[in-house]
Amino acid sequence: MNDLINYNKRTAETKKLFRSKKRNCFRKFAENLNFRVNPTYVWNHCKILKNSILNIKAPHLSDYLQPDSDISSTLDKITPPWAPTDPSYMPDCQRNDFLDSHFTFLEFNIALEQKNDRSAPGLDGISFEILKKLPINYKLLLLDLFNQMFSQSTFPDAWREAYVHFIRKAEGRGYRPISLTSCSCKLFETMLKGSLQWWAESGKWLPSSQHGFRKSNSCSDNLANLTVTIESAFKEGLEIYAAFVDIEGAFDKVNIDLLLKKLATKGASLRVVSFVKFATAERFIFTDSNKKDCTVAHKGLPQGAVLSPLLHAIYAASITDNLPPDVFASCFADDVAIYTISDPHSNKLATLEEAIHTLDSNITNIALSIAPKKSKFMHFHNSNFKPGDKQIKIKSHSIKSVGNNRFLGIILDHKLTFDRHITHIHKRCMASLNIIKSWLEPGGGLTLKLFF
């Protein structure tokens, strides 16, 4: 009898333990869900929590392997072939007491607090969670090291090393590179970015048409400017001709010597230019296929670097110069749209083509190029014109107008009804709602009381 009582106690304790573990597992799983998570991934985990493990096919180890041929082609895009230039080259820089000033402990703490504890560390294994838990004395020592390195323009070689993991894009459209770099380098770059961005904004280095990665600017501002212009034109019985231009390798093909020259011309100090050269002119890329023998990159901005978006904005600030006065530009990082307002009885296609020619010339001047096959042309109107009735030329390529195009995550149609985008959002929402409904269905879904 005592054995039966002990058995029942142990059984109750085991059930309680499994119940607690299951609850904690579900809560941790639910905290990481967002609209970007694949619904199939969520469904599979829900089945596991419902003890329907047999209905799920366990992933094979080969599913996580990255084919060398695919990885090699993707790696060539982020490390394009380029002969290194003179390593001693350094443009003449002006003195800048503001940019050369030492970082304060307040700047250090603000930069560190912005970082996510869950961010993966670089090859050195030091994460932001470790840096945040350092005693104050050690944080002050680290700050002193940062200031000394900045003053002497001497930085650890490990800061130029990055481990790149490739994640397959949706529908098998290639791979997306994810770079794991040193967290201490990211912390230093964050402090430097604060000073450089303030100086760039106060000096009006960046055009008003550029909304990418700037304070008080966002995708919403960019899209609002475009959509408000289109809607205003519709109310006045006018039309909009818009070209959505794709810049080939906008980040990966940046010419470092030209970037350094632009920074020096704008008034960046020698210390800032020296660090930018250190972080960009020669980088060592490690992947799953070459963990020992790295790939050396001499061109382009580093993937995942804190300074890369700001440096690209400064580098490409001149691409919208000298556009015709009746042509407007809307830029977000490397996403560029230029458009003009046209009367139904007049033809502004020639004006738009002239603007594209000027844009192409400006882009060529910074050693980049337009990809005509990836660029799109749209004719926004309320008339009976069908998509494809109009066309423009980009680098001798004829581009016909399309009925819809995705720009900054929004699907725009030629009548600006947003029907396609609403359908797309509705489909994604229903996939998530079906999961929630499965939790609430009595007898058929998960019992929420079990987890909350």
Protein backbone atom coordinates (compact mmCIF):
# COMPACT_ATOMS: atom_id res chain seq x y z
CA MET A 1 0.00 0.00 0.00
CA ASN A 2 2.84 2.38 0.83
CA ASP A 3 4.42 1.63 -2.54
CA LEU A 4 1.18 2.60 -4.30
CA ILE A 5 0.95 5.84 -2.34
CA ASN A 6 4.57 6.70 -3.15
CA TYR A 7 3.97 5.82 -6.80
CA ASN A 8 0.95 8.15 -6.97
CA LYS A 9 2.93 10.96 -5.33
CA ARG A 10 5.80 10.57 -7.76
CA THR A 11 3.34 10.45 -10.66
CA ALA A 12 1.67 13.66 -9.48
CA GLU A 13 5.05 15.35 -9.02
CA THR A 14 6.12 14.24 -12.50
CA LYS A 15 2.93 15.56 -14.09
CA LYS A 16 3.37 18.84 -12.24
CA LEU A 17 6.98 19.09 -13.43
CA PHE A 18 6.06 18.36 -17.05
CA ARG A 19 3.19 20.83 -16.81
CA SER A 20 5.55 23.55 -15.53
CA LYS A 21 8.17 22.79 -18.18
CA LYS A 22 5.55 22.80 -20.90
CA ARG A 23 4.14 26.12 -19.68
CA ASN A 24 7.57 27.75 -19.59
CA CYS A 25 8.43 26.35 -23.01
CA PHE A 26 5.21 27.72 -24.49
CA ARG A 27 5.68 31.15 -22.94
CA LYS A 28 9.25 31.38 -24.22
CA PHE A 29 8.05 30.25 -27.64
CA ALA A 30 5.17 32.77 -27.69
CA GLU A 31 7.43 35.67 -26.64
CA ASN A 32 9.53 35.23 -29.78
CA LEU A 33 6.59 35.21 -32.21
CA ASN A 34 6.06 38.10 -34.59
CA PHE A 35 4.60 38.66 -38.03
CA ARG A 36 7.82 37.54 -39.71
CA VAL A 37 7.71 34.00 -38.27
CA ASN A 38 6.79 31.27 -40.74
CA PRO A 39 3.28 29.88 -39.91
CA THR A 40 4.48 26.34 -40.69
CA TYR A 41 7.10 26.67 -37.98
CA VAL A 42 4.42 27.79 -35.49
CA TRP A 43 2.03 24.98 -36.50
CA ASN A 44 4.71 22.33 -35.97
CA HIS A 45 5.53 23.61 -32.51
CA CYS A 46 1.85 23.73 -31.60
CA LYS A 47 1.53 20.09 -32.62
CA ILE A 48 4.47 19.22 -30.41
CA LEU A 49 2.81 20.97 -27.47
CA LYS A 50 -0.35 18.99 -28.22
CA ASN A 51 1.70 15.78 -28.02
CA SER A 52 1.20 15.17 -31.76
CA ILE A 53 4.85 14.55 -32.26
CA LEU A 54 4.23 11.60 -34.56
CA ASN A 55 2.57 13.89 -37.08
CA ILE A 56 5.72 15.93 -37.56
CA LYS A 57 8.61 14.93 -39.75
CA ALA A 58 11.81 15.47 -37.83
CA PRO A 59 14.29 17.63 -39.74
CA HIS A 60 17.25 15.77 -41.16
CA LEU A 61 20.74 17.06 -40.55
CA SER A 62 21.09 17.61 -44.29
CA ASP A 63 18.31 20.21 -44.11
CA TYR A 64 20.71 22.54 -42.29
CA LEU A 65 23.62 22.05 -44.68
CA GLN A 66 24.41 24.88 -47.06
CA PRO A 67 25.41 23.79 -50.60
CA ASP A 68 28.92 24.98 -51.39
CA SER A 69 27.96 26.02 -54.93
CA ASP A 70 25.09 28.24 -53.76
CA ILE A 71 27.12 29.67 -50.91
CA SER A 72 30.05 30.39 -53.21
CA SER A 73 27.90 32.43 -55.61
CA THR A 74 26.29 34.36 -52.74
CA LEU A 75 29.69 34.97 -51.16
CA ASP A 76 30.97 36.39 -54.45
CA LYS A 77 28.21 39.00 -54.30
CA ILE A 78 29.19 40.31 -50.86
CA THR A 79 32.91 39.99 -51.61
CA PRO A 80 33.18 40.97 -55.29
CA PRO A 81 36.54 40.49 -57.00
CA TRP A 82 38.60 43.62 -56.52
CA ALA A 83 42.32 44.25 -56.53
CA PRO A 84 43.35 46.05 -53.33
CA THR A 85 44.55 49.59 -53.87
CA ASP A 86 47.47 51.33 -52.24
CA PRO A 87 47.23 50.38 -48.52
CA SER A 88 48.98 53.60 -47.52
CA TYR A 89 46.44 55.82 -49.30
CA MET A 90 44.83 58.36 -47.02
CA PRO A 91 43.10 61.54 -48.24
CA ASP A 92 43.96 64.91 -46.76
CA CYS A 93 41.68 65.45 -43.77
CA GLN A 94 40.78 68.59 -41.88
CA ARG A 95 41.00 68.93 -38.14
CA ASN A 96 37.69 68.42 -36.41
CA ASP A 97 37.69 68.86 -32.63
CA PHE A 98 34.09 67.66 -32.31
CA LEU A 99 34.63 64.33 -34.05
CA ASP A 100 38.06 63.85 -32.43
CA SER A 101 36.80 64.38 -28.86
CA HIS A 102 36.98 61.44 -26.47
CA PHE A 103 33.87 59.38 -25.82
CA THR A 104 32.25 59.96 -22.44
CA PHE A 105 30.98 57.35 -20.00
CA LEU A 106 27.45 58.60 -20.67
CA GLU A 107 27.86 57.91 -24.40
CA PHE A 108 29.25 54.48 -23.54
CA ASN A 109 26.28 53.57 -21.35
CA ILE A 110 23.69 54.90 -23.81
CA ALA A 111 25.26 52.90 -26.65
CA LEU A 112 25.45 49.75 -24.52
CA GLU A 113 21.84 50.01 -23.32
CA GLN A 114 20.64 50.14 -26.94
CA LYS A 115 22.04 46.68 -27.60
CA ASN A 116 20.00 43.49 -27.45
CA ASP A 117 21.25 40.92 -24.96
CA ARG A 118 20.22 38.15 -27.35
CA SER A 119 22.41 39.39 -30.21
CA ALA A 120 24.81 36.68 -31.29
CA PRO A 121 28.48 37.41 -30.57
CA GLY A 122 31.28 37.41 -33.10
CA LEU A 123 34.19 34.99 -33.34
CA ASP A 124 35.58 36.26 -30.02
CA GLY A 125 32.50 34.90 -28.18
CA ILE A 126 31.93 38.12 -26.16
CA SER A 127 28.24 39.06 -26.22
CA PHE A 128 26.45 42.25 -25.23
CA GLU A 129 25.05 40.42 -22.21
CA ILE A 130 28.61 39.93 -20.93
CA LEU A 131 29.51 43.57 -21.61
CA LYS A 132 26.43 44.80 -19.75
CA LYS A 133 27.28 42.71 -16.69
CA LEU A 134 30.80 44.10 -16.39
CA PRO A 135 31.50 46.01 -13.16
CA ILE A 136 31.70 49.77 -13.50
CA ASN A 137 35.49 49.73 -13.06
CA TYR A 138 35.89 47.36 -16.00
CA LYS A 139 33.50 49.42 -18.13
CA LEU A 140 35.62 52.49 -17.44
CA LEU A 141 38.74 50.54 -18.42
CA LEU A 142 37.05 49.46 -21.65
CA LEU A 143 36.08 53.06 -22.37
CA ASP A 144 39.69 54.15 -21.80
CA LEU A 145 40.83 51.47 -24.26
CA PHE A 146 38.33 52.70 -26.84
CA ASN A 147 39.52 56.30 -26.49
CA GLN A 148 43.17 55.27 -26.66
CA MET A 149 42.58 53.18 -29.79
CA PHE A 150 40.67 56.05 -31.37
CA SER A 151 43.41 58.56 -30.55
CA GLN A 152 46.17 56.33 -31.93
CA SER A 153 44.09 54.92 -34.82
CA THR A 154 45.10 51.42 -33.77
CA PHE A 155 42.40 48.75 -33.56
CA PRO A 156 42.31 44.96 -32.97
CA ASP A 157 42.56 42.84 -36.11
CA ALA A 158 39.74 40.68 -34.72
CA TRP A 159 37.35 43.58 -35.40
CA ARG A 160 37.82 42.97 -39.13
CA GLU A 161 36.79 39.33 -38.88
CA ALA A 162 33.21 38.20 -39.48
CA TYR A 163 31.49 34.85 -39.53
CA VAL A 164 28.78 34.83 -42.20
CA HIS A 165 25.86 32.41 -42.03
CA PHE A 166 23.53 32.09 -45.00
CA ILE A 167 19.77 31.71 -44.53
CA ARG A 168 17.64 30.56 -47.43
CA LYS A 169 15.21 33.21 -48.66
CA ALA A 170 11.50 32.59 -49.09
CA GLU A 171 10.53 30.38 -52.03
CA GLY A 172 14.17 29.37 -52.48
CA ARG A 173 15.23 32.71 -54.00
CA GLY A 174 18.88 32.46 -53.03
CA TYR A 175 20.43 33.05 -49.61
CA ARG A 176 20.51 35.99 -47.22
CA PRO A 177 23.90 36.57 -45.52
CA ILE A 178 23.87 37.14 -41.76
CA SER A 179 27.17 38.44 -40.37
CA LEU A 180 28.33 37.80 -36.82
CA THR A 181 30.88 40.44 -35.89
CA SER A 182 32.57 41.52 -32.68
CA CYS A 183 30.15 43.06 -30.16
CA SER A 184 32.87 45.32 -28.77
CA CYS A 185 33.43 46.67 -32.29
CA LYS A 186 29.68 47.26 -32.67
CA LEU A 187 29.70 49.15 -29.37
CA PHE A 188 32.56 51.35 -30.55
CA GLU A 189 30.85 51.95 -33.90
CA THR A 190 27.62 52.94 -32.15
CA MET A 191 29.38 55.67 -30.20
CA LEU A 192 31.20 56.88 -33.30
CA LYS A 193 27.99 56.81 -35.33
CA GLY A 194 26.28 59.13 -32.85
CA SER A 195 28.93 61.80 -33.36
CA LEU A 196 29.29 61.31 -37.12
CA GLN A 197 25.54 61.30 -37.75
CA TRP A 198 25.02 64.49 -35.73
CA TRP A 199 27.83 66.17 -37.67
CA ALA A 200 26.44 64.96 -41.00
CA GLU A 201 22.93 66.16 -40.20
CA SER A 202 24.09 69.57 -38.92
CA GLY A 203 26.32 69.97 -41.98
CA LYS A 204 23.48 68.92 -44.31
CA TRP A 205 25.57 66.22 -45.93
CA LEU A 206 22.47 64.18 -46.80
CA PRO A 207 19.70 65.27 -49.19
CA SER A 208 16.16 65.74 -47.93
CA SER A 209 15.00 62.97 -50.27
CA GLN A 210 17.01 60.38 -48.30
CA HIS A 211 14.94 58.96 -45.41
CA GLY A 212 16.91 55.82 -44.66
CA PHE A 213 18.33 55.32 -41.16
CA ARG A 214 18.01 58.97 -40.16
CA LYS A 215 16.49 60.40 -37.01
CA SER A 216 12.92 61.66 -37.44
CA ASN A 217 12.76 59.82 -40.78
CA SER A 218 11.30 56.43 -41.61
CA CYS A 219 9.76 54.26 -44.33
CA SER A 220 6.41 55.86 -43.48
CA ASP A 221 7.75 59.33 -44.34
CA ASN A 222 9.10 58.06 -47.63
CA LEU A 223 5.89 56.30 -48.58
CA ALA A 224 3.75 59.22 -47.38
CA ASN A 225 5.56 61.65 -49.67
CA LEU A 226 5.00 59.39 -52.66
CA THR A 227 1.37 58.43 -51.97
CA VAL A 228 0.28 61.96 -51.03
CA THR A 229 1.77 63.27 -54.29
CA ILE A 230 -0.10 60.59 -56.27
CA GLU A 231 -3.42 61.21 -54.50
CA SER A 232 -3.08 64.99 -54.93
CA ALA A 233 -2.42 64.46 -58.64
CA PHE A 234 -5.50 62.24 -58.94
CA LYS A 235 -7.70 64.94 -57.38
CA GLU A 236 -6.49 67.44 -59.97
CA GLY A 237 -6.98 65.02 -62.86
CA LEU A 238 -3.23 64.49 -63.33
CA GLU A 239 -1.05 61.41 -63.66
CA ILE A 240 2.24 60.21 -62.19
CA TYR A 241 5.10 58.54 -64.04
CA ALA A 242 7.37 56.76 -61.56
CA ALA A 243 10.55 54.73 -61.99
CA PHE A 244 11.66 52.42 -59.19
CA VAL A 245 15.37 52.08 -59.82
CA ASP A 246 17.42 49.13 -58.60
CA ILE A 247 21.09 49.88 -57.87
CA GLU A 248 23.19 46.78 -58.45
CA GLY A 249 25.25 45.85 -55.39
CA ALA A 250 24.56 49.17 -53.69
CA PHE A 251 26.35 48.16 -50.46
CA ASP A 252 28.63 45.39 -51.71
CA LYS A 253 30.29 47.40 -54.51
CA VAL A 254 31.11 50.63 -52.68
CA ASN A 255 34.56 51.91 -53.67
CA ILE A 256 36.38 52.40 -50.37
CA ASP A 257 38.92 54.94 -51.66
CA LEU A 258 36.11 57.05 -53.06
CA LEU A 259 34.21 56.78 -49.76
CA LEU A 260 37.27 57.95 -47.80
CA LYS A 261 37.70 60.87 -50.19
CA LYS A 262 34.06 61.88 -49.77
CA LEU A 263 34.34 61.77 -45.97
CA ALA A 264 37.50 63.89 -46.04
CA THR A 265 35.89 66.40 -48.43
CA LYS A 266 32.87 66.73 -46.14
CA GLY A 267 35.08 67.57 -43.17
CA ALA A 268 35.57 64.26 -41.36
CA SER A 269 38.69 64.11 -39.21
CA LEU A 270 41.71 61.89 -39.78
CA ARG A 271 40.72 59.66 -36.85
CA VAL A 272 37.27 58.99 -38.27
CA VAL A 273 38.57 58.35 -41.78
CA SER A 274 41.29 56.05 -40.39
CA PHE A 275 38.74 53.92 -38.56
CA VAL A 276 36.46 53.74 -41.61
CA LYS A 277 39.41 52.59 -43.68
CA PHE A 278 40.37 50.01 -41.05
CA ALA A 279 36.82 48.63 -40.89
CA THR A 280 36.17 48.51 -44.64
CA ALA A 281 39.36 48.36 -46.73
CA GLU A 282 40.31 44.80 -45.75
CA ARG A 283 37.88 42.36 -44.13
CA PHE A 284 38.16 38.65 -43.42
CA ILE A 285 35.03 36.56 -44.02
CA PHE A 286 34.60 33.09 -42.53
CA THR A 287 31.77 30.73 -43.48
CA ASP A 288 30.72 27.13 -42.83
CA SER A 289 32.64 26.02 -45.92
CA ASN A 290 35.85 27.89 -45.08
CA LYS A 291 36.23 28.01 -41.31
CA LYS A 292 40.03 28.05 -41.56
CA ASP A 293 40.75 29.74 -44.89
CA CYS A 294 38.92 33.04 -44.93
CA THR A 295 37.80 35.13 -47.89
CA VAL A 296 39.32 38.61 -47.99
CA ALA A 297 37.10 41.50 -49.06
CA HIS A 298 38.58 44.80 -50.28
CA LYS A 299 35.40 46.36 -51.60
CA GLY A 300 31.96 47.17 -50.26
CA LEU A 301 30.59 47.97 -46.83
CA PRO A 302 30.60 45.20 -44.21
CA GLN A 303 27.37 43.28 -43.69
CA GLY A 304 25.73 43.98 -40.34
CA ALA A 305 28.08 46.81 -39.37
CA VAL A 306 26.55 49.66 -37.37
CA LEU A 307 28.18 52.36 -39.52
CA SER A 308 27.35 50.80 -42.91
CA PRO A 309 23.89 52.45 -43.47
CA LEU A 310 25.22 55.92 -42.58
CA LEU A 311 28.36 55.49 -44.69
CA HIS A 312 26.25 54.36 -47.64
CA ALA A 313 23.95 57.37 -47.26
CA ILE A 314 26.98 59.69 -47.32
CA TYR A 315 28.51 57.80 -50.24
CA ALA A 316 25.33 57.95 -52.35
CA ALA A 317 24.21 61.44 -51.29
CA SER A 318 24.96 62.91 -54.72
CA ILE A 319 22.96 60.49 -56.90
CA THR A 320 19.89 62.78 -57.01
CA ASP A 321 21.85 65.94 -57.86
CA ASN A 322 20.87 68.00 -60.92
CA LEU A 323 17.57 66.24 -61.55
CA PRO A 324 15.03 68.25 -63.60
CA PRO A 325 13.06 70.66 -61.36
CA ASP A 326 9.74 68.88 -62.01
CA VAL A 327 11.11 65.46 -61.06
CA PHE A 328 10.99 64.31 -57.43
CA ALA A 329 13.09 61.68 -55.69
CA SER A 330 12.23 59.39 -52.81
CA CYS A 331 15.08 57.33 -51.36
CA PHE A 332 15.43 54.89 -48.49
CA ALA A 333 18.98 53.54 -48.31
CA ASP A 334 19.43 51.80 -51.70
CA ASP A 335 15.72 51.90 -52.67
CA VAL A 336 15.27 54.80 -55.09
CA ALA A 337 12.10 56.09 -56.73
CA ILE A 338 11.92 59.11 -59.04
CA TYR A 339 8.62 60.43 -60.34
CA THR A 340 7.06 63.34 -62.16
CA ILE A 341 3.54 64.75 -62.44
CA SER A 342 2.03 64.78 -65.92
CA ASP A 343 -1.07 66.21 -67.56
CA PRO A 344 -3.11 63.62 -69.55
CA HIS A 345 -2.71 65.79 -72.64
CA SER A 346 1.06 66.15 -72.27
CA ASN A 347 3.75 63.52 -72.19
CA LYS A 348 6.33 63.67 -69.39
CA LEU A 349 7.97 60.38 -70.31
CA ALA A 350 10.83 62.26 -71.95
CA THR A 351 11.34 64.24 -68.74
CA LEU A 352 11.44 61.05 -66.67
CA GLU A 353 13.91 59.45 -69.07
CA GLU A 354 16.11 62.55 -68.84
CA ALA A 355 16.01 62.26 -65.04
CA ILE A 356 16.93 58.57 -65.24
CA HIS A 357 19.86 59.44 -67.50
CA THR A 358 21.06 62.03 -64.97
CA LEU A 359 20.57 59.56 -62.13
CA ASP A 360 22.52 56.91 -64.04
CA SER A 361 25.36 59.36 -64.66
CA ASN A 362 25.50 60.27 -60.95
CA ILE A 363 25.48 56.61 -59.95
CA THR A 364 28.25 55.82 -62.43
CA ASN A 365 30.35 58.61 -60.90
CA ILE A 366 30.38 56.73 -57.60
CA ALA A 367 31.39 53.44 -59.28
CA LEU A 368 27.92 51.85 -59.09
CA SER A 369 25.42 50.98 -61.79
CA ILE A 370 21.69 50.63 -62.40
CA ALA A 371 20.22 47.16 -62.96
CA PRO A 372 17.63 47.79 -65.74
CA LYS A 373 16.13 44.28 -65.56
CA LYS A 374 15.30 44.72 -61.87
CA SER A 375 14.03 48.30 -62.22
CA LYS A 376 10.28 48.93 -62.56
CA PHE A 377 8.18 51.59 -64.26
CA MET A 378 4.65 52.51 -63.14
CA HIS A 379 2.04 54.79 -64.64
CA PHE A 380 -0.30 55.95 -61.86
CA HIS A 381 -3.60 57.16 -63.31
CA ASN A 382 -7.40 56.98 -63.10
CA SER A 383 -7.96 56.58 -66.84
CA ASN A 384 -8.49 53.47 -68.95
CA PHE A 385 -4.83 52.91 -69.79
CA LYS A 386 -3.78 49.32 -69.14
CA PRO A 387 -0.44 48.34 -67.60
CA GLY A 388 2.06 47.90 -70.40
CA ASP A 389 0.66 50.65 -72.63
CA LYS A 390 3.50 52.98 -71.66
CA GLN A 391 7.22 52.31 -71.63
CA ILE A 392 10.52 54.03 -70.94
CA LYS A 393 14.13 53.27 -71.70
CA ILE A 394 16.81 52.64 -69.09
CA LYS A 395 20.25 52.08 -70.59
CA SER A 396 18.74 51.11 -73.96
CA HIS A 397 16.45 48.59 -72.21
CA SER A 398 12.73 49.11 -72.80
CA ILE A 399 10.81 48.90 -69.54
CA LYS A 400 7.03 48.58 -69.87
CA SER A 401 4.74 49.90 -67.17
CA VAL A 402 3.55 47.34 -64.62
CA GLY A 403 0.26 47.16 -62.77
CA ASN A 404 1.80 46.82 -59.31
CA ASN A 405 5.17 46.93 -57.62
CA ARG A 406 6.47 46.35 -54.11
CA PHE A 407 8.24 49.40 -52.70
CA LEU A 408 9.50 49.46 -49.11
CA GLY A 409 7.29 46.52 -48.22
CA ILE A 410 4.09 48.03 -49.66
CA ILE A 411 2.48 46.71 -52.86
CA LEU A 412 1.49 49.74 -54.92
CA ASP A 413 -1.01 49.38 -57.77
CA HIS A 414 -1.42 51.82 -60.65
CA LYS A 415 -4.71 53.20 -59.29
CA LEU A 416 -3.43 53.33 -55.70
CA THR A 417 -6.29 51.24 -54.33
CA PHE A 418 -3.93 49.01 -52.30
CA ASP A 419 -6.14 46.00 -53.14
CA ARG A 420 -3.19 43.69 -53.75
CA HIS A 421 -1.48 44.78 -50.54
CA ILE A 422 -4.65 44.38 -48.46
CA THR A 423 -5.16 40.88 -49.89
CA HIS A 424 -1.55 40.03 -49.06
CA ILE A 425 -1.90 41.29 -45.47
CA HIS A 426 -5.26 39.53 -45.07
CA LYS A 427 -3.70 36.23 -46.16
CA ARG A 428 -0.87 36.58 -43.67
CA CYS A 429 -3.24 37.59 -40.85
CA MET A 430 -5.53 34.62 -41.52
CA ALA A 431 -2.58 32.25 -41.23
CA SER A 432 -1.88 33.64 -37.74
CA LEU A 433 -5.56 33.77 -36.75
CA ASN A 434 -6.02 30.13 -37.71
CA ILE A 435 -3.29 29.24 -35.24
CA ILE A 436 -4.99 31.23 -32.48
CA LYS A 437 -8.34 29.61 -33.33
CA SER A 438 -6.76 26.19 -32.98
CA TRP A 439 -5.76 27.11 -29.43
CA LEU A 440 -9.30 28.17 -28.55
CA GLU A 441 -11.23 25.29 -30.09
CA PRO A 442 -12.55 23.03 -27.30
CA GLY A 443 -11.24 19.51 -27.62
CA GLY A 444 -9.37 20.22 -30.84
CA GLY A 445 -6.75 22.76 -29.85
CA LEU A 446 -4.40 23.70 -27.08
CA THR A 447 -5.87 24.49 -23.70
CA LEU A 448 -4.77 28.01 -22.87
CA LYS A 449 -5.30 27.39 -19.15
CA LEU A 450 -2.44 24.96 -19.40
CA PHE A 451 -0.02 27.71 -20.31
CA PHE A 452 -1.20 30.86 -18.49
